[in-house]
């Protein structure tokens, strides 16, 4: 099975208050990868970004979500062949 990863970096923690929006920034590498994704994969990626902006980086409601480390997370935005996996990092600065 092949997997394709997209890295989303710099999701700063601005507080625990759920009314705050989170900032999502793509690394240069991720930005280039995102532009090459098929539409059927890009749409769930953008939905994931909107969910992170609205409610934070912990996405237990997404398929195969898991916390990789204290600050890194991942989930699958497309299963099957090929599988697309998004990895993102919280910037607690």
N, C-alpha and C. Protein backbone atom coordinates (compact mmCIF):
# COMPACT_ATOMS: atom_id res chain seq x y z
N UNK A 1 0.86 -1.17 0.00
CA UNK A 1 0.00 0.00 0.00
C UNK A 1 0.90 1.23 0.00
N UNK A 2 0.61 2.18 -0.88
CA UNK A 2 1.38 3.41 -0.90
C UNK A 2 0.64 4.48 -0.14
N UNK A 3 1.39 5.33 0.53
CA UNK A 3 0.80 6.43 1.27
C UNK A 3 1.43 7.73 0.80
N UNK A 4 0.63 8.76 0.73
CA UNK A 4 1.11 10.08 0.37
C UNK A 4 0.85 10.98 1.55
N UNK A 5 1.88 11.68 2.02
CA UNK A 5 1.73 12.52 3.21
C UNK A 5 1.73 13.99 2.85
N UNK A 6 0.93 14.76 3.55
CA UNK A 6 0.90 16.21 3.45
C UNK A 6 1.23 16.73 4.83
N UNK A 7 2.18 17.63 4.94
CA UNK A 7 2.56 18.20 6.22
C UNK A 7 1.94 19.57 6.37
N UNK A 8 1.24 19.78 7.45
CA UNK A 8 0.71 21.10 7.78
C UNK A 8 1.41 21.51 9.06
N UNK A 9 2.17 22.58 9.01
CA UNK A 9 2.93 23.01 10.18
C UNK A 9 2.37 24.30 10.76
N UNK A 10 2.81 24.59 11.96
CA UNK A 10 2.56 25.86 12.62
C UNK A 10 1.09 26.11 12.94
N UNK A 11 0.50 25.24 13.72
CA UNK A 11 -0.84 25.48 14.23
C UNK A 11 -0.66 25.95 15.67
N UNK A 12 -0.60 27.26 15.87
CA UNK A 12 -0.29 27.74 17.22
C UNK A 12 -1.43 27.53 18.20
N UNK A 13 -1.06 27.22 19.42
CA UNK A 13 -2.05 27.12 20.48
C UNK A 13 -2.22 28.50 21.06
N UNK A 14 -3.42 29.04 20.93
CA UNK A 14 -3.67 30.40 21.41
C UNK A 14 -4.48 30.40 22.70
N UNK A 15 -4.90 29.25 23.15
CA UNK A 15 -5.68 29.16 24.37
C UNK A 15 -6.65 28.01 24.31
N UNK A 16 -7.26 27.70 25.44
CA UNK A 16 -8.20 26.60 25.51
C UNK A 16 -9.60 27.06 25.13
N UNK A 17 -9.84 28.33 25.11
CA UNK A 17 -11.15 28.88 24.79
C UNK A 17 -11.59 28.43 23.40
N UNK A 18 -12.70 27.71 23.30
CA UNK A 18 -13.18 27.19 22.02
C UNK A 18 -13.68 28.26 21.06
N UNK A 19 -13.82 29.51 21.52
CA UNK A 19 -14.28 30.56 20.63
C UNK A 19 -13.13 31.15 19.82
N UNK A 20 -11.91 30.79 20.14
CA UNK A 20 -10.76 31.31 19.41
C UNK A 20 -10.54 30.48 18.16
N UNK A 21 -10.10 31.14 17.11
CA UNK A 21 -9.75 30.43 15.89
C UNK A 21 -8.28 30.04 15.92
N UNK A 22 -7.98 28.93 15.32
CA UNK A 22 -6.62 28.45 15.21
C UNK A 22 -6.08 28.84 13.85
N UNK A 23 -4.80 29.12 13.79
CA UNK A 23 -4.16 29.50 12.54
C UNK A 23 -3.52 28.27 11.91
N UNK A 24 -3.72 28.07 10.61
CA UNK A 24 -3.13 26.94 9.89
C UNK A 24 -2.26 27.50 8.78
N UNK A 25 -1.00 27.10 8.77
CA UNK A 25 -0.07 27.52 7.73
C UNK A 25 0.57 26.29 7.12
N UNK A 26 0.64 26.25 5.80
CA UNK A 26 1.29 25.15 5.11
C UNK A 26 2.78 25.45 4.97
N UNK A 27 3.62 24.44 5.14
CA UNK A 27 5.03 24.59 4.82
C UNK A 27 5.14 24.76 3.31
N UNK A 28 6.28 25.23 2.84
CA UNK A 28 6.47 25.37 1.39
C UNK A 28 6.30 24.03 0.68
N UNK A 29 6.85 22.98 1.26
CA UNK A 29 6.74 21.64 0.66
C UNK A 29 5.28 21.20 0.61
N UNK A 30 4.55 21.41 1.70
CA UNK A 30 3.14 21.00 1.74
C UNK A 30 2.31 21.82 0.75
N UNK A 31 2.64 23.11 0.62
CA UNK A 31 1.90 23.96 -0.33
C UNK A 31 2.06 23.43 -1.75
N UNK A 32 3.26 23.04 -2.10
CA UNK A 32 3.51 22.50 -3.44
C UNK A 32 2.78 21.17 -3.62
N UNK A 33 2.81 20.32 -2.60
CA UNK A 33 2.13 19.02 -2.68
C UNK A 33 0.62 19.21 -2.81
N UNK A 34 0.08 20.13 -2.05
CA UNK A 34 -1.37 20.38 -2.05
C UNK A 34 -1.85 20.79 -3.42
N UNK A 35 -1.06 21.60 -4.10
CA UNK A 35 -1.45 22.09 -5.43
C UNK A 35 -1.50 20.96 -6.46
N UNK A 36 -0.80 19.86 -6.20
CA UNK A 36 -0.76 18.73 -7.13
C UNK A 36 -1.79 17.65 -6.82
N UNK A 37 -2.51 17.80 -5.72
CA UNK A 37 -3.48 16.78 -5.31
C UNK A 37 -4.69 16.75 -6.23
N UNK A 38 -5.25 15.56 -6.45
CA UNK A 38 -6.52 15.49 -7.19
C UNK A 38 -7.63 16.19 -6.40
N UNK A 39 -8.63 16.69 -7.08
CA UNK A 39 -9.72 17.42 -6.44
C UNK A 39 -10.38 16.58 -5.36
N UNK A 40 -10.58 15.28 -5.62
CA UNK A 40 -11.26 14.42 -4.64
C UNK A 40 -10.46 14.27 -3.34
N UNK A 41 -9.19 14.62 -3.38
CA UNK A 41 -8.34 14.59 -2.18
C UNK A 41 -8.20 15.99 -1.59
N UNK A 42 -8.15 16.99 -2.44
CA UNK A 42 -8.01 18.38 -1.99
C UNK A 42 -9.22 18.82 -1.16
N UNK A 43 -10.41 18.42 -1.56
CA UNK A 43 -11.62 18.83 -0.83
C UNK A 43 -11.60 18.39 0.62
N UNK A 44 -11.30 17.09 0.92
CA UNK A 44 -11.23 16.72 2.34
C UNK A 44 -10.08 17.40 3.08
N UNK A 45 -8.98 17.69 2.38
CA UNK A 45 -7.87 18.41 3.02
C UNK A 45 -8.34 19.78 3.48
N UNK A 46 -9.05 20.50 2.62
CA UNK A 46 -9.53 21.82 2.99
C UNK A 46 -10.58 21.75 4.09
N UNK A 47 -11.39 20.69 4.11
CA UNK A 47 -12.35 20.51 5.20
C UNK A 47 -11.62 20.27 6.52
N UNK A 48 -10.55 19.48 6.47
CA UNK A 48 -9.74 19.25 7.67
C UNK A 48 -9.15 20.56 8.16
N UNK A 49 -8.62 21.36 7.26
CA UNK A 49 -8.06 22.67 7.65
C UNK A 49 -9.13 23.53 8.31
N UNK A 50 -10.32 23.57 7.73
CA UNK A 50 -11.41 24.36 8.33
C UNK A 50 -11.78 23.83 9.72
N UNK A 51 -11.80 22.50 9.88
CA UNK A 51 -12.10 21.92 11.19
C UNK A 51 -11.03 22.28 12.21
N UNK A 52 -9.76 22.22 11.81
CA UNK A 52 -8.67 22.58 12.73
C UNK A 52 -8.77 24.05 13.10
N UNK A 53 -9.04 24.92 12.13
CA UNK A 53 -9.18 26.35 12.41
C UNK A 53 -10.31 26.61 13.40
N UNK A 54 -11.39 25.88 13.26
CA UNK A 54 -12.57 26.11 14.09
C UNK A 54 -12.46 25.50 15.49
N UNK A 55 -11.90 24.28 15.57
CA UNK A 55 -11.98 23.58 16.86
C UNK A 55 -10.65 23.02 17.36
N UNK A 56 -9.56 23.28 16.66
CA UNK A 56 -8.25 22.87 17.17
C UNK A 56 -7.70 21.63 16.51
N UNK A 57 -6.46 21.29 16.85
CA UNK A 57 -5.73 20.23 16.17
C UNK A 57 -6.13 18.80 16.52
N UNK A 58 -6.80 18.58 17.63
CA UNK A 58 -7.20 17.22 18.00
C UNK A 58 -8.45 16.86 17.21
N UNK A 59 -8.34 15.90 16.30
CA UNK A 59 -9.40 15.59 15.36
C UNK A 59 -9.87 14.16 15.51
N UNK A 60 -10.35 13.79 16.67
CA UNK A 60 -10.82 12.44 16.91
C UNK A 60 -12.01 12.04 16.06
N UNK A 61 -12.65 13.01 15.40
CA UNK A 61 -13.80 12.71 14.55
C UNK A 61 -13.39 12.43 13.10
N UNK A 62 -12.10 12.39 12.81
CA UNK A 62 -11.61 12.10 11.46
C UNK A 62 -11.11 10.67 11.39
N UNK A 63 -11.20 10.03 10.20
CA UNK A 63 -10.80 8.61 10.07
C UNK A 63 -9.32 8.40 10.39
N UNK A 64 -9.07 7.37 11.14
CA UNK A 64 -7.71 6.96 11.48
C UNK A 64 -6.89 8.08 12.09
N UNK A 65 -7.54 8.99 12.82
CA UNK A 65 -6.81 10.06 13.51
C UNK A 65 -6.00 9.44 14.64
N UNK A 66 -4.80 9.95 14.83
CA UNK A 66 -4.05 9.62 16.04
C UNK A 66 -3.06 10.72 16.33
N UNK A 67 -2.73 10.83 17.59
CA UNK A 67 -1.72 11.76 18.04
C UNK A 67 -0.39 11.02 17.95
N UNK A 68 0.56 11.53 17.17
CA UNK A 68 1.84 10.86 16.98
C UNK A 68 2.80 11.16 18.12
N UNK A 69 2.85 12.42 18.52
CA UNK A 69 3.65 12.87 19.66
C UNK A 69 2.81 13.89 20.41
N UNK A 70 3.40 14.56 21.39
CA UNK A 70 2.66 15.59 22.12
C UNK A 70 2.19 16.71 21.19
N UNK A 71 2.93 16.96 20.10
CA UNK A 71 2.56 18.09 19.24
C UNK A 71 2.26 17.70 17.79
N UNK A 72 2.36 16.42 17.44
CA UNK A 72 2.12 15.99 16.07
C UNK A 72 0.89 15.07 16.00
N UNK A 73 0.13 15.25 14.91
CA UNK A 73 -1.11 14.51 14.70
C UNK A 73 -1.14 14.01 13.27
N UNK A 74 -2.00 13.03 13.00
CA UNK A 74 -2.19 12.58 11.62
C UNK A 74 -3.59 12.00 11.44
N UNK A 75 -4.06 11.99 10.21
CA UNK A 75 -5.28 11.28 9.86
C UNK A 75 -5.28 11.01 8.37
N UNK A 76 -6.15 10.12 7.94
CA UNK A 76 -6.26 9.75 6.53
C UNK A 76 -7.35 10.60 5.90
N UNK A 77 -7.04 11.26 4.78
CA UNK A 77 -8.08 12.02 4.09
C UNK A 77 -8.61 11.26 2.89
N UNK A 78 -7.94 10.17 2.51
CA UNK A 78 -8.46 9.27 1.48
C UNK A 78 -7.88 7.89 1.72
N UNK A 79 -8.76 6.92 1.86
CA UNK A 79 -8.34 5.53 2.03
C UNK A 79 -8.26 4.87 0.67
N UNK A 80 -7.77 3.66 0.63
CA UNK A 80 -7.69 2.92 -0.63
C UNK A 80 -6.35 3.13 -1.31
N UNK A 81 -6.34 2.96 -2.60
CA UNK A 81 -5.10 3.06 -3.37
C UNK A 81 -5.12 4.29 -4.25
N UNK A 82 -4.26 5.23 -4.10
CA UNK A 82 -3.33 5.37 -2.98
C UNK A 82 -4.03 5.98 -1.76
N UNK A 83 -3.44 5.78 -0.61
CA UNK A 83 -3.92 6.36 0.63
C UNK A 83 -3.25 7.72 0.82
N UNK A 84 -4.00 8.72 1.22
CA UNK A 84 -3.44 10.05 1.49
C UNK A 84 -3.55 10.31 2.99
N UNK A 85 -2.42 10.66 3.58
CA UNK A 85 -2.33 10.89 5.01
C UNK A 85 -1.85 12.32 5.23
N UNK A 86 -2.50 13.02 6.15
CA UNK A 86 -2.08 14.38 6.50
C UNK A 86 -1.44 14.33 7.88
N UNK A 87 -0.29 14.97 8.00
CA UNK A 87 0.42 15.08 9.27
C UNK A 87 0.53 16.57 9.60
N UNK A 88 0.17 16.95 10.82
CA UNK A 88 0.29 18.35 11.21
C UNK A 88 0.90 18.46 12.60
N UNK A 89 1.45 19.64 12.86
CA UNK A 89 2.19 19.91 14.10
C UNK A 89 1.63 21.16 14.76
N UNK A 90 1.47 21.09 16.07
CA UNK A 90 1.06 22.25 16.86
C UNK A 90 2.31 23.07 17.20
N UNK A 91 2.20 24.36 17.03
CA UNK A 91 3.26 25.27 17.47
C UNK A 91 2.76 25.93 18.74
N UNK A 92 3.30 25.55 19.85
CA UNK A 92 2.80 26.06 21.13
C UNK A 92 3.40 27.41 21.50
N UNK A 93 4.07 28.03 20.53
CA UNK A 93 4.72 29.33 20.77
C UNK A 93 3.77 30.42 20.70
